[in-house]
Amino acid sequence: LNLSKSRFLQDLFEDDLQAMTYKAPPTLATQFKQSLGQLMNILGSCKPFFVRCIKPNMLQKPMLFERNLCLQQLRYSGMMETVTIRIAGYPVRLPFTDFVERYRILLPEVSAQL
C-alpha cells in the first residue's frame, strides 16, 4: 500500500500503515539480554590474568597467620574449588607450543610436520 500510486488507497489505509510501522520500545528484559550479550562478548575477547592476595591476619603483623581467616579468603575466592579440579586431573591451560611439545608423540604424522 505504501507503493500504491492511488492517493485514495494511501489515505484509506494510512492509520493501518502507521500502526504496522510502529515499533515498541525494547522491554527491560530485552535490554538486559542485549547488555548481557555485550558483556559476554567483551569477556570472551579478554584473557584475564590477576594475582589474588590473601590477608594473613587482621592485625597486619608479620609472620602471624590466622588459619581461619586465610581459609575463609581461599574459599571465597574459589581457590579451593580450583585445587579440587586440578587434583582431579583436569588440564591446566598450557601455551600451544608447550602442549604440542608434550603431546606430539601421540600423532606421529603431526610430529613430522612440526
PDB file of N, CA and C in Angstrom:
ATOM      1  N   LEU A   1       0.824  -1.189   0.000  1.00  0.00           N
ATOM      2  CA  LEU A   1       0.000   0.000   0.000  1.00  0.00           C
ATOM      3  C   LEU A   1       0.872   1.257   0.000  1.00  0.00           C
ATOM      4  N   ASN A   2       2.022   1.191   0.608  1.00  0.00           N
ATOM      5  CA  ASN A   2       2.936   2.329   0.604  1.00  0.00           C
ATOM      6  C   ASN A   2       3.322   2.731  -0.810  1.00  0.00           C
ATOM      7  N   LEU A   3       3.468   1.730  -1.653  1.00  0.00           N
ATOM      8  CA  LEU A   3       3.925   1.978  -3.016  1.00  0.00           C
ATOM      9  C   LEU A   3       2.788   2.284  -3.989  1.00  0.00           C
ATOM     10  N   SER A   4       1.575   2.239  -3.492  1.00  0.00           N
ATOM     11  CA  SER A   4       0.428   2.490  -4.358  1.00  0.00           C
ATOM     12  C   SER A   4       0.444   3.936  -4.851  1.00  0.00           C
ATOM     13  N   LYS A   5       0.091   4.117  -6.130  1.00  0.00           N
ATOM     14  CA  LYS A   5       0.030   5.462  -6.716  1.00  0.00           C
ATOM     15  C   LYS A   5      -1.319   6.118  -6.472  1.00  0.00           C
ATOM     16  N   SER A   6      -2.243   5.315  -5.988  1.00  0.00           N
ATOM     17  CA  SER A   6      -3.581   5.832  -5.743  1.00  0.00           C
ATOM     18  C   SER A   6      -3.601   6.551  -4.395  1.00  0.00           C
ATOM     19  N   ARG A   7      -3.892   7.840  -4.448  1.00  0.00           N
ATOM     20  CA  ARG A   7      -3.951   8.651  -3.231  1.00  0.00           C
ATOM     21  C   ARG A   7      -5.092   8.171  -2.330  1.00  0.00           C
ATOM     22  N   PHE A   8      -6.169   7.708  -2.943  1.00  0.00           N
ATOM     23  CA  PHE A   8      -7.320   7.213  -2.200  1.00  0.00           C
ATOM     24  C   PHE A   8      -6.925   6.031  -1.314  1.00  0.00           C
ATOM     25  N   LEU A   9      -6.198   5.048  -1.884  1.00  0.00           N
ATOM     26  CA  LEU A   9      -5.780   3.883  -1.114  1.00  0.00           C
ATOM     27  C   LEU A   9      -4.791   4.267  -0.004  1.00  0.00           C
ATOM     28  N   GLN A  10      -3.907   5.190  -0.309  1.00  0.00           N
ATOM     29  CA  GLN A  10      -2.954   5.633   0.708  1.00  0.00           C
ATOM     30  C   GLN A  10      -3.679   6.280   1.882  1.00  0.00           C
ATOM     31  N   ASP A  11      -4.643   7.146   1.568  1.00  0.00           N
ATOM     32  CA  ASP A  11      -5.400   7.812   2.623  1.00  0.00           C
ATOM     33  C   ASP A  11      -6.283   6.827   3.392  1.00  0.00           C
ATOM     34  N   LEU A  12      -6.838   5.855   2.696  1.00  0.00           N
ATOM     35  CA  LEU A  12      -7.742   4.890   3.298  1.00  0.00           C
ATOM     36  C   LEU A  12      -7.038   4.030   4.363  1.00  0.00           C
ATOM     37  N   PHE A  13      -5.798   3.627   4.080  1.00  0.00           N
ATOM     38  CA  PHE A  13      -5.088   2.731   4.982  1.00  0.00           C
ATOM     39  C   PHE A  13      -3.939   3.418   5.736  1.00  0.00           C
ATOM     40  N   GLU A  14      -3.966   4.726   5.798  1.00  0.00           N
ATOM     41  CA  GLU A  14      -2.882   5.469   6.451  1.00  0.00           C
ATOM     42  C   GLU A  14      -2.721   5.079   7.917  1.00  0.00           C
ATOM     43  N   ASP A  15      -3.848   4.997   8.639  1.00  0.00           N
ATOM     44  CA  ASP A  15      -3.771   4.635  10.065  1.00  0.00           C
ATOM     45  C   ASP A  15      -3.226   3.221  10.251  1.00  0.00           C
ATOM     46  N   ASP A  16      -3.652   2.305   9.395  1.00  0.00           N
ATOM     47  CA  ASP A  16      -3.169   0.922   9.486  1.00  0.00           C
ATOM     48  C   ASP A  16      -1.670   0.848   9.207  1.00  0.00           C
ATOM     49  N   LEU A  17      -1.205   1.632   8.232  1.00  0.00           N
ATOM     50  CA  LEU A  17       0.217   1.626   7.899  1.00  0.00           C
ATOM     51  C   LEU A  17       1.050   2.166   9.055  1.00  0.00           C
ATOM     52  N   GLN A  18       0.561   3.201   9.697  1.00  0.00           N
ATOM     53  CA  GLN A  18       1.293   3.767  10.825  1.00  0.00           C
ATOM     54  C   GLN A  18       1.338   2.769  11.981  1.00  0.00           C
ATOM     55  N   ALA A  19       0.248   2.063  12.209  1.00  0.00           N
ATOM     56  CA  ALA A  19       0.201   1.072  13.280  1.00  0.00           C
ATOM     57  C   ALA A  19       1.146  -0.086  12.980  1.00  0.00           C
ATOM     58  N   MET A  20       1.263  -0.450  11.702  1.00  0.00           N
ATOM     59  CA  MET A  20       2.144  -1.553  11.320  1.00  0.00           C
ATOM     60  C   MET A  20       3.610  -1.165  11.426  1.00  0.00           C
ATOM     61  N   THR A  21       3.944   0.087  11.190  1.00  0.00           N
ATOM     62  CA  THR A  21       5.345   0.501  11.228  1.00  0.00           C
ATOM     63  C   THR A  21       5.782   0.941  12.613  1.00  0.00           C
ATOM     64  N   TYR A  22       4.871   1.049  13.554  1.00  0.00           N
ATOM     65  CA  TYR A  22       5.210   1.457  14.911  1.00  0.00           C
ATOM     66  C   TYR A  22       6.011   0.342  15.574  1.00  0.00           C
ATOM     67  N   LYS A  23       7.146   0.697  16.116  1.00  0.00           N
ATOM     68  CA  LYS A  23       7.984  -0.277  16.800  1.00  0.00           C
ATOM     69  C   LYS A  23       7.986   0.058  18.289  1.00  0.00           C
ATOM     70  N   ALA A  24       7.568  -0.890  19.074  1.00  0.00           N
ATOM     71  CA  ALA A  24       7.503  -0.681  20.521  1.00  0.00           C
ATOM     72  C   ALA A  24       8.917  -0.554  21.080  1.00  0.00           C
ATOM     73  N   PRO A  25       9.089   0.255  22.118  1.00  0.00           N
ATOM     74  CA  PRO A  25      10.417   0.362  22.735  1.00  0.00           C
ATOM     75  C   PRO A  25      10.809  -0.985  23.340  1.00  0.00           C
ATOM     76  N   PRO A  26      12.096  -1.269  23.383  1.00  0.00           N
ATOM     77  CA  PRO A  26      12.515  -2.573  23.924  1.00  0.00           C
ATOM     78  C   PRO A  26      12.143  -2.709  25.404  1.00  0.00           C
ATOM     79  N   THR A  27      11.765  -3.911  25.752  1.00  0.00           N
ATOM     80  CA  THR A  27      11.390  -4.168  27.145  1.00  0.00           C
ATOM     81  C   THR A  27      12.644  -4.219  28.015  1.00  0.00           C
ATOM     82  N   LEU A  28      12.445  -4.186  29.297  1.00  0.00           N
ATOM     83  CA  LEU A  28      13.568  -4.266  30.234  1.00  0.00           C
ATOM     84  C   LEU A  28      14.301  -5.595  30.072  1.00  0.00           C
ATOM     85  N   ALA A  29      13.538  -6.650  29.851  1.00  0.00           N
ATOM     86  CA  ALA A  29      14.158  -7.972  29.659  1.00  0.00           C
ATOM     87  C   ALA A  29      15.014  -7.990  28.392  1.00  0.00           C
ATOM     88  N   THR A  30      14.531  -7.370  27.326  1.00  0.00           N
ATOM     89  CA  THR A  30      15.291  -7.299  26.075  1.00  0.00           C
ATOM     90  C   THR A  30      16.565  -6.482  26.266  1.00  0.00           C
ATOM     91  N   GLN A  31      16.462  -5.368  26.959  1.00  0.00           N
ATOM     92  CA  GLN A  31      17.629  -4.534  27.218  1.00  0.00           C
ATOM     93  C   GLN A  31      18.657  -5.306  28.052  1.00  0.00           C
ATOM     94  N   PHE A  32      18.184  -6.037  29.059  1.00  0.00           N
ATOM     95  CA  PHE A  32      19.075  -6.822  29.906  1.00  0.00           C
ATOM     96  C   PHE A  32      19.770  -7.901  29.085  1.00  0.00           C
ATOM     97  N   LYS A  33      19.010  -8.575  28.227  1.00  0.00           N
ATOM     98  CA  LYS A  33      19.559  -9.638  27.394  1.00  0.00           C
ATOM     99  C   LYS A  33      20.630  -9.093  26.450  1.00  0.00           C
ATOM    100  N   GLN A  34      20.372  -7.936  25.845  1.00  0.00           N
ATOM    101  CA  GLN A  34      21.355  -7.316  24.959  1.00  0.00           C
ATOM    102  C   GLN A  34      22.604  -6.902  25.740  1.00  0.00           C
ATOM    103  N   SER A  35      22.411  -6.324  26.900  1.00  0.00           N
ATOM    104  CA  SER A  35      23.530  -5.894  27.736  1.00  0.00           C
ATOM    105  C   SER A  35      24.372  -7.089  28.168  1.00  0.00           C
ATOM    106  N   LEU A  36      23.713  -8.172  28.547  1.00  0.00           N
ATOM    107  CA  LEU A  36      24.417  -9.377  28.951  1.00  0.00           C
ATOM    108  C   LEU A  36      25.192  -9.970  27.772  1.00  0.00           C
ATOM    109  N   GLY A  37      24.591  -9.943  26.594  1.00  0.00           N
ATOM    110  CA  GLY A  37      25.277 -10.427  25.401  1.00  0.00           C
ATOM    111  C   GLY A  37      26.529  -9.620  25.093  1.00  0.00           C
ATOM    112  N   GLN A  38      26.433  -8.295  25.235  1.00  0.00           N
ATOM    113  CA  GLN A  38      27.600  -7.438  25.011  1.00  0.00           C
ATOM    114  C   GLN A  38      28.694  -7.730  26.037  1.00  0.00           C
ATOM    115  N   LEU A  39      28.296  -7.905  27.293  1.00  0.00           N
ATOM    116  CA  LEU A  39      29.263  -8.217  28.341  1.00  0.00           C
ATOM    117  C   LEU A  39      29.958  -9.546  28.067  1.00  0.00           C
ATOM    118  N   MET A  40      29.191 -10.555  27.653  1.00  0.00           N
ATOM    119  CA  MET A  40      29.787 -11.858  27.361  1.00  0.00           C
ATOM    120  C   MET A  40      30.758 -11.764  26.183  1.00  0.00           C
ATOM    121  N   ASN A  41      30.443 -10.945  25.185  1.00  0.00           N
ATOM    122  CA  ASN A  41      31.366 -10.747  24.060  1.00  0.00           C
ATOM    123  C   ASN A  41      32.664 -10.103  24.529  1.00  0.00           C
ATOM    124  N   ILE A  42      32.551  -9.115  25.396  1.00  0.00           N
ATOM    125  CA  ILE A  42      33.742  -8.437  25.927  1.00  0.00           C
ATOM    126  C   ILE A  42      34.581  -9.412  26.746  1.00  0.00           C
ATOM    127  N   LEU A  43      33.920 -10.173  27.631  1.00  0.00           N
ATOM    128  CA  LEU A  43      34.650 -11.127  28.461  1.00  0.00           C
ATOM    129  C   LEU A  43      35.281 -12.238  27.622  1.00  0.00           C
ATOM    130  N   GLY A  44      34.579 -12.639  26.565  1.00  0.00           N
ATOM    131  CA  GLY A  44      35.111 -13.680  25.690  1.00  0.00           C
ATOM    132  C   GLY A  44      36.332 -13.238  24.916  1.00  0.00           C
ATOM    133  N   SER A  45      36.463 -11.950  24.684  1.00  0.00           N
ATOM    134  CA  SER A  45      37.606 -11.456  23.914  1.00  0.00           C
ATOM    135  C   SER A  45      38.808 -11.128  24.803  1.00  0.00           C
ATOM    136  N   CYS A  46      38.649 -11.222  26.110  1.00  0.00           N
ATOM    137  CA  CYS A  46      39.737 -10.887  27.050  1.00  0.00           C
ATOM    138  C   CYS A  46      40.443 -12.151  27.531  1.00  0.00           C
ATOM    139  N   LYS A  47      41.655 -11.960  27.961  1.00  0.00           N
ATOM    140  CA  LYS A  47      42.417 -13.032  28.597  1.00  0.00           C
ATOM    141  C   LYS A  47      42.806 -12.540  29.987  1.00  0.00           C
ATOM    142  N   PRO A  48      41.910 -12.706  30.953  1.00  0.00           N
ATOM    143  CA  PRO A  48      42.168 -12.143  32.270  1.00  0.00           C
ATOM    144  C   PRO A  48      43.322 -12.842  32.984  1.00  0.00           C
ATOM    145  N   PHE A  49      44.102 -12.062  33.672  1.00  0.00           N
ATOM    146  CA  PHE A  49      45.196 -12.566  34.489  1.00  0.00           C
ATOM    147  C   PHE A  49      45.286 -11.654  35.699  1.00  0.00           C
ATOM    148  N   PHE A  50      45.263 -12.224  36.867  1.00  0.00           N
ATOM    149  CA  PHE A  50      45.329 -11.400  38.061  1.00  0.00           C
ATOM    150  C   PHE A  50      45.977 -12.189  39.191  1.00  0.00           C
ATOM    151  N   VAL A  51      46.441 -11.479  40.168  1.00  0.00           N
ATOM    152  CA  VAL A  51      47.043 -12.078  41.352  1.00  0.00           C
ATOM    153  C   VAL A  51      46.099 -11.815  42.512  1.00  0.00           C
ATOM    154  N   ARG A  52      45.766 -12.868  43.234  1.00  0.00           N
ATOM    155  CA  ARG A  52      44.870 -12.733  44.368  1.00  0.00           C
ATOM    156  C   ARG A  52      45.725 -12.693  45.639  1.00  0.00           C
ATOM    157  N   CYS A  53      45.573 -11.649  46.411  1.00  0.00           N
ATOM    158  CA  CYS A  53      46.322 -11.507  47.660  1.00  0.00           C
ATOM    159  C   CYS A  53      45.470 -12.019  48.816  1.00  0.00           C
ATOM    160  N   ILE A  54      46.108 -12.715  49.717  1.00  0.00           N
ATOM    161  CA  ILE A  54      45.441 -13.225  50.910  1.00  0.00           C
ATOM    162  C   ILE A  54      45.978 -12.451  52.108  1.00  0.00           C
ATOM    163  N   LYS A  55      45.079 -11.930  52.891  1.00  0.00           N
ATOM    164  CA  LYS A  55      45.463 -11.177  54.084  1.00  0.00           C
ATOM    165  C   LYS A  55      45.723 -12.187  55.215  1.00  0.00           C
ATOM    166  N   PRO A  56      46.951 -12.276  55.739  1.00  0.00           N
ATOM    167  CA  PRO A  56      47.267 -13.316  56.714  1.00  0.00           C
ATOM    168  C   PRO A  56      46.671 -13.079  58.101  1.00  0.00           C
ATOM    169  N   ASN A  57      46.475 -11.814  58.477  1.00  0.00           N
ATOM    170  CA  ASN A  57      45.905 -11.529  59.799  1.00  0.00           C
ATOM    171  C   ASN A  57      45.279 -10.141  59.780  1.00  0.00           C
ATOM    172  N   MET A  58      44.421  -9.883  60.736  1.00  0.00           N
ATOM    173  CA  MET A  58      43.740  -8.592  60.801  1.00  0.00           C
ATOM    174  C   MET A  58      44.579  -7.530  61.513  1.00  0.00           C
ATOM    175  N   LEU A  59      45.632  -7.958  62.201  1.00  0.00           N
ATOM    176  CA  LEU A  59      46.468  -7.029  62.953  1.00  0.00           C
ATOM    177  C   LEU A  59      47.606  -6.450  62.109  1.00  0.00           C
ATOM    178  N   GLN A  60      47.773  -6.947  60.900  1.00  0.00           N
ATOM    179  CA  GLN A  60      48.829  -6.519  59.978  1.00  0.00           C
ATOM    180  C   GLN A  60      50.222  -6.717  60.577  1.00  0.00           C
ATOM    181  N   LYS A  61      50.390  -7.820  61.274  1.00  0.00           N
ATOM    182  CA  LYS A  61      51.686  -8.144  61.856  1.00  0.00           C
ATOM    183  C   LYS A  61      52.379  -9.187  60.982  1.00  0.00           C
ATOM    184  N   PRO A  62      53.711  -9.071  60.834  1.00  0.00           N
ATOM    185  CA  PRO A  62      54.429 -10.053  60.021  1.00  0.00           C
ATOM    186  C   PRO A  62      54.517 -11.410  60.714  1.00  0.00           C
ATOM    187  N   MET A  63      54.579 -12.464  59.897  1.00  0.00           N
ATOM    188  CA  MET A  63      54.756 -13.847  60.353  1.00  0.00           C
ATOM    189  C   MET A  63      53.659 -14.317  61.306  1.00  0.00           C
ATOM    190  N   LEU A  64      52.490 -13.751  61.200  1.00  0.00           N
ATOM    191  CA  LEU A  64      51.346 -14.182  62.004  1.00  0.00           C
ATOM    192  C   LEU A  64      50.220 -14.550  61.044  1.00  0.00           C
ATOM    193  N   PHE A  65      49.876 -15.845  61.012  1.00  0.00           N
ATOM    194  CA  PHE A  65      48.848 -16.326  60.097  1.00  0.00           C
ATOM    195  C   PHE A  65      47.660 -16.846  60.887  1.00  0.00           C
ATOM    196  N   GLU A  66      46.504 -16.288  60.618  1.00  0.00           N
ATOM    197  CA  GLU A  66      45.268 -16.775  61.220  1.00  0.00           C
ATOM    198  C   GLU A  66      44.652 -17.775  60.249  1.00  0.00           C
ATOM    199  N   ARG A  67      44.702 -19.030  60.637  1.00  0.00           N
ATOM    200  CA  ARG A  67      44.277 -20.120  59.750  1.00  0.00           C
ATOM    201  C   ARG A  67      42.856 -19.917  59.223  1.00  0.00           C
ATOM    202  N   ASN A  68      41.918 -19.618  60.114  1.00  0.00           N
ATOM    203  CA  ASN A  68      40.511 -19.485  59.693  1.00  0.00           C
ATOM    204  C   ASN A  68      40.322 -18.326  58.717  1.00  0.00           C
ATOM    205  N   LEU A  69      41.022 -17.221  58.950  1.00  0.00           N
ATOM    206  CA  LEU A  69      40.914 -16.068  58.058  1.00  0.00           C
ATOM    207  C   LEU A  69      41.455 -16.411  56.668  1.00  0.00           C
ATOM    208  N   CYS A  70      42.610 -17.070  56.632  1.00  0.00           N
ATOM    209  CA  CYS A  70      43.210 -17.455  55.341  1.00  0.00           C
ATOM    210  C   CYS A  70      42.307 -18.442  54.604  1.00  0.00           C
ATOM    211  N   LEU A  71      41.797 -19.424  55.308  1.00  0.00           N
ATOM    212  CA  LEU A  71      40.922 -20.429  54.701  1.00  0.00           C
ATOM    213  C   LEU A  71      39.636 -19.803  54.173  1.00  0.00           C
ATOM    214  N   GLN A  72      39.073 -18.888  54.934  1.00  0.00           N
ATOM    215  CA  GLN A  72      37.852 -18.199  54.510  1.00  0.00           C
ATOM    216  C   GLN A  72      38.097 -17.433  53.196  1.00  0.00           C
ATOM    217  N   GLN A  73      39.224 -16.744  53.081  1.00  0.00           N
ATOM    218  CA  GLN A  73      39.541 -15.990  51.873  1.00  0.00           C
ATOM    219  C   GLN A  73      39.782 -16.922  50.680  1.00  0.00           C
ATOM    220  N   LEU A  74      40.430 -18.058  50.933  1.00  0.00           N
ATOM    221  CA  LEU A  74      40.669 -19.029  49.860  1.00  0.00           C
ATOM    222  C   LEU A  74      39.360 -19.623  49.360  1.00  0.00           C
ATOM    223  N   ARG A  75      38.450 -19.914  50.269  1.00  0.00           N
ATOM    224  CA  ARG A  75      37.143 -20.451  49.859  1.00  0.00           C
ATOM    225  C   ARG A  75      36.343 -19.404  49.083  1.00  0.00           C
ATOM    226  N   TYR A  76      36.342 -18.176  49.583  1.00  0.00           N
ATOM    227  CA  TYR A  76      35.579 -17.107  48.950  1.00  0.00           C
ATOM    228  C   TYR A  76      36.078 -16.818  47.536  1.00  0.00           C
ATOM    229  N   SER A  77      37.388 -16.903  47.338  1.00  0.00           N
ATOM    230  CA  SER A  77      37.961 -16.582  46.021  1.00  0.00           C
ATOM    231  C   SER A  77      37.840 -17.726  45.020  1.00  0.00           C
ATOM    232  N   GLY A  78      37.396 -18.904  45.491  1.00  0.00           N
ATOM    233  CA  GLY A  78      37.245 -20.033  44.570  1.00  0.00           C
ATOM    234  C   GLY A  78      38.503 -20.867  44.420  1.00  0.00           C
ATOM    235  N   MET A  79      39.515 -20.573  45.187  1.00  0.00           N
ATOM    236  CA  MET A  79      40.771 -21.307  45.071  1.00  0.00           C
ATOM    237  C   MET A  79      40.626 -22.765  45.498  1.00  0.00           C
ATOM    238  N   MET A  80      39.801 -23.036  46.483  1.00  0.00           N
ATOM    239  CA  MET A  80      39.632 -24.418  46.948  1.00  0.00           C
ATOM    240  C   MET A  80      39.016 -25.277  45.845  1.00  0.00           C
ATOM    241  N   GLU A  81      38.039 -24.729  45.113  1.00  0.00           N
ATOM    242  CA  GLU A  81      37.433 -25.457  44.005  1.00  0.00           C
ATOM    243  C   GLU A  81      38.448 -25.674  42.886  1.00  0.00           C
ATOM    244  N   THR A  82      39.279 -24.662  42.641  1.00  0.00           N
ATOM    245  CA  THR A  82      40.304 -24.782  41.606  1.00  0.00           C
ATOM    246  C   THR A  82      41.283 -25.889  41.947  1.00  0.00           C
ATOM    247  N   VAL A  83      41.706 -25.953  43.195  1.00  0.00           N
ATOM    248  CA  VAL A  83      42.629 -27.005  43.633  1.00  0.00           C
ATOM    249  C   VAL A  83      41.975 -28.370  43.482  1.00  0.00           C
ATOM    250  N   THR A  84      40.711 -28.482  43.855  1.00  0.00           N
ATOM    251  CA  THR A  84      39.985 -29.752  43.728  1.00  0.00           C
ATOM    252  C   THR A  84      39.921 -30.199  42.278  1.00  0.00           C
ATOM    253  N   ILE A  85      39.644 -29.270  41.381  1.00  0.00           N
ATOM    254  CA  ILE A  85      39.572 -29.591  39.951  1.00  0.00           C
ATOM    255  C   ILE A  85      40.928 -30.041  39.433  1.00  0.00           C
ATOM    256  N   ARG A  86      41.983 -29.347  39.844  1.00  0.00           N
ATOM    257  CA  ARG A  86      43.333 -29.700  39.383  1.00  0.00           C
ATOM    258  C   ARG A  86      43.764 -31.062  39.931  1.00  0.00           C
ATOM    259  N   ILE A  87      43.410 -31.353  41.180  1.00  0.00           N
ATOM    260  CA  ILE A  87      43.746 -32.657  41.765  1.00  0.00           C
ATOM    261  C   ILE A  87      43.019 -33.777  41.029  1.00  0.00           C
ATOM    262  N   ALA A  88      41.796 -33.499  40.573  1.00  0.00           N
ATOM    263  CA  ALA A  88      41.011 -34.494  39.845  1.00  0.00           C
ATOM    264  C   ALA A  88      41.615 -34.816  38.483  1.00  0.00           C
ATOM    265  N   GLY A  89      42.593 -34.025  38.061  1.00  0.00           N
ATOM    266  CA  GLY A  89      43.292 -34.350  36.827  1.00  0.00           C
ATOM    267  C   GLY A  89      42.840 -33.581  35.608  1.00  0.00           C
ATOM    268  N   TYR A  90      42.000 -32.585  35.783  1.00  0.00           N
ATOM    269  CA  TYR A  90      41.601 -31.790  34.633  1.00  0.00           C
ATOM    270  C   TYR A  90      42.765 -30.912  34.191  1.00  0.00           C
ATOM    271  N   PRO A  91      42.861 -30.658  32.906  1.00  0.00           N
ATOM    272  CA  PRO A  91      44.057 -29.991  32.376  1.00  0.00           C
ATOM    273  C   PRO A  91      44.203 -28.541  32.819  1.00  0.00           C
ATOM    274  N   VAL A  92      45.432 -28.159  32.905  1.00  0.00           N
ATOM    275  CA  VAL A  92      45.803 -26.778  33.164  1.00  0.00           C
ATOM    276  C   VAL A  92      45.938 -26.115  31.801  1.00  0.00           C
ATOM    277  N   ARG A  93      45.689 -24.846  31.702  1.00  0.00           N
ATOM    278  CA  ARG A  93      45.835 -24.152  30.426  1.00  0.00           C
ATOM    279  C   ARG A  93      47.312 -24.052  30.074  1.00  0.00           C
ATOM    280  N   LEU A  94      47.683 -24.735  29.023  1.00  0.00           N
ATOM    281  CA  LEU A  94      49.065 -24.712  28.562  1.00  0.00           C
ATOM    282  C   LEU A  94      49.196 -23.824  27.339  1.00  0.00           C
ATOM    283  N   PRO A  95      50.313 -23.139  27.202  1.00  0.00           N
ATOM    284  CA  PRO A  95      50.558 -22.449  25.935  1.00  0.00           C
ATOM    285  C   PRO A  95      50.616 -23.487  24.811  1.00  0.00           C
ATOM    286  N   PHE A  96      50.228 -23.102  23.609  1.00  0.00           N
ATOM    287  CA  PHE A  96      50.128 -24.036  22.488  1.00  0.00           C
ATOM    288  C   PHE A  96      51.442 -24.763  22.239  1.00  0.00           C
ATOM    289  N   THR A  97      52.550 -24.040  22.266  1.00  0.00           N
ATOM    290  CA  THR A  97      53.847 -24.682  21.987  1.00  0.00           C
ATOM    291  C   THR A  97      54.175 -25.750  23.034  1.00  0.00           C
ATOM    292  N   ASP A  98      53.866 -25.479  24.292  1.00  0.00           N
ATOM    293  CA  ASP A  98      54.099 -26.476  25.344  1.00  0.00           C
ATOM    294  C   ASP A  98      53.191 -27.689  25.147  1.00  0.00           C
ATOM    295  N   PHE A  99      51.948 -27.439  24.753  1.00  0.00           N
ATOM    296  CA  PHE A  99      51.005 -28.527  24.503  1.00  0.00           C
ATOM    297  C   PHE A  99      51.505 -29.425  23.383  1.00  0.00           C
ATOM    298  N   VAL A 100      51.959 -28.809  22.291  1.00  0.00           N
ATOM    299  CA  VAL A 100      52.460 -29.580  21.151  1.00  0.00           C
ATOM    300  C   VAL A 100      53.685 -30.395  21.558  1.00  0.00           C
ATOM    301  N   GLU A 101      54.609 -29.777  22.279  1.00  0.00           N
ATOM    302  CA  GLU A 101      55.805 -30.490  22.728  1.00  0.00           C
ATOM    303  C   GLU A 101      55.439 -31.704  23.583  1.00  0.00           C
ATOM    304  N   ARG A 102      54.462 -31.525  24.443  1.00  0.00           N
ATOM    305  CA  ARG A 102      54.103 -32.599  25.368  1.00  0.00           C
ATOM    306  C   ARG A 102      53.375 -33.749  24.686  1.00  0.00           C
ATOM    307  N   TYR A 103      52.467 -33.437  23.734  1.00  0.00           N
ATOM    308  CA  TYR A 103      51.603 -34.466  23.166  1.00  0.00           C
ATOM    309  C   TYR A 103      51.895 -34.823  21.716  1.00  0.00           C
ATOM    310  N   ARG A 104      52.950 -34.312  21.136  1.00  0.00           N
ATOM    311  CA  ARG A 104      53.232 -34.598  19.722  1.00  0.00           C
ATOM    312  C   ARG A 104      53.499 -36.071  19.467  1.00  0.00           C
ATOM    313  N   ILE A 105      53.942 -36.804  20.453  1.00  0.00           N
ATOM    314  CA  ILE A 105      54.232 -38.222  20.294  1.00  0.00           C
ATOM    315  C   ILE A 105      52.973 -39.023  19.960  1.00  0.00           C
ATOM    316  N   LEU A 106      51.800 -38.508  20.353  1.00  0.00           N
ATOM    317  CA  LEU A 106      50.546 -39.213  20.123  1.00  0.00           C
ATOM    318  C   LEU A 106      50.140 -39.228  18.653  1.00  0.00           C
ATOM    319  N   LEU A 107      50.586 -38.247  17.890  1.00  0.00           N
ATOM    320  CA  LEU A 107      50.250 -38.171  16.459  1.00  0.00           C
ATOM    321  C   LEU A 107      51.540 -38.035  15.655  1.00  0.00           C
ATOM    322  N   PRO A 108      52.120 -39.149  15.254  1.00  0.00           N
ATOM    323  CA  PRO A 108      53.407 -39.088  14.549  1.00  0.00           C
ATOM    324  C   PRO A 108      53.357 -38.257  13.267  1.00  0.00           C
ATOM    325  N   GLU A 109      52.198 -38.286  12.551  1.00  0.00           N
ATOM    326  CA  GLU A 109      52.112 -37.502  11.319  1.00  0.00           C
ATOM    327  C   GLU A 109      52.180 -36.013  11.585  1.00  0.00           C
ATOM    328  N   VAL A 110      51.681 -35.578  12.711  1.00  0.00           N
ATOM    329  CA  VAL A 110      51.750 -34.180  13.089  1.00  0.00           C
ATOM    330  C   VAL A 110      53.181 -33.842  13.515  1.00  0.00           C
ATOM    331  N   SER A 111      53.816 -34.775  14.223  1.00  0.00           N
ATOM    332  CA  SER A 111      55.193 -34.560  14.676  1.00  0.00           C
ATOM    333  C   SER A 111      56.120 -34.289  13.512  1.00  0.00           C
ATOM    334  N   ALA A 112      55.904 -34.952  12.405  1.00  0.00           N
ATOM    335  CA  ALA A 112      56.768 -34.781  11.237  1.00  0.00           C
ATOM    336  C   ALA A 112      56.579 -33.389  10.631  1.00  0.00           C
ATOM    337  N   GLN A 113      55.368 -32.853  10.729  1.00  0.00           N
ATOM    338  CA  GLN A 113      55.082 -31.535  10.141  1.00  0.00           C
ATOM    339  C   GLN A 113      55.642 -30.406  10.983  1.00  0.00           C
ATOM    340  N   LEU A 114      55.755 -30.608  12.275  1.00  0.00           N
ATOM    341  CA  LEU A 114      56.206 -29.529  13.162  1.00  0.00           C
ATOM    342  C   LEU A 114      57.667 -29.544  13.283  1.00  0.00           C
TER     343      LEU A 114
END
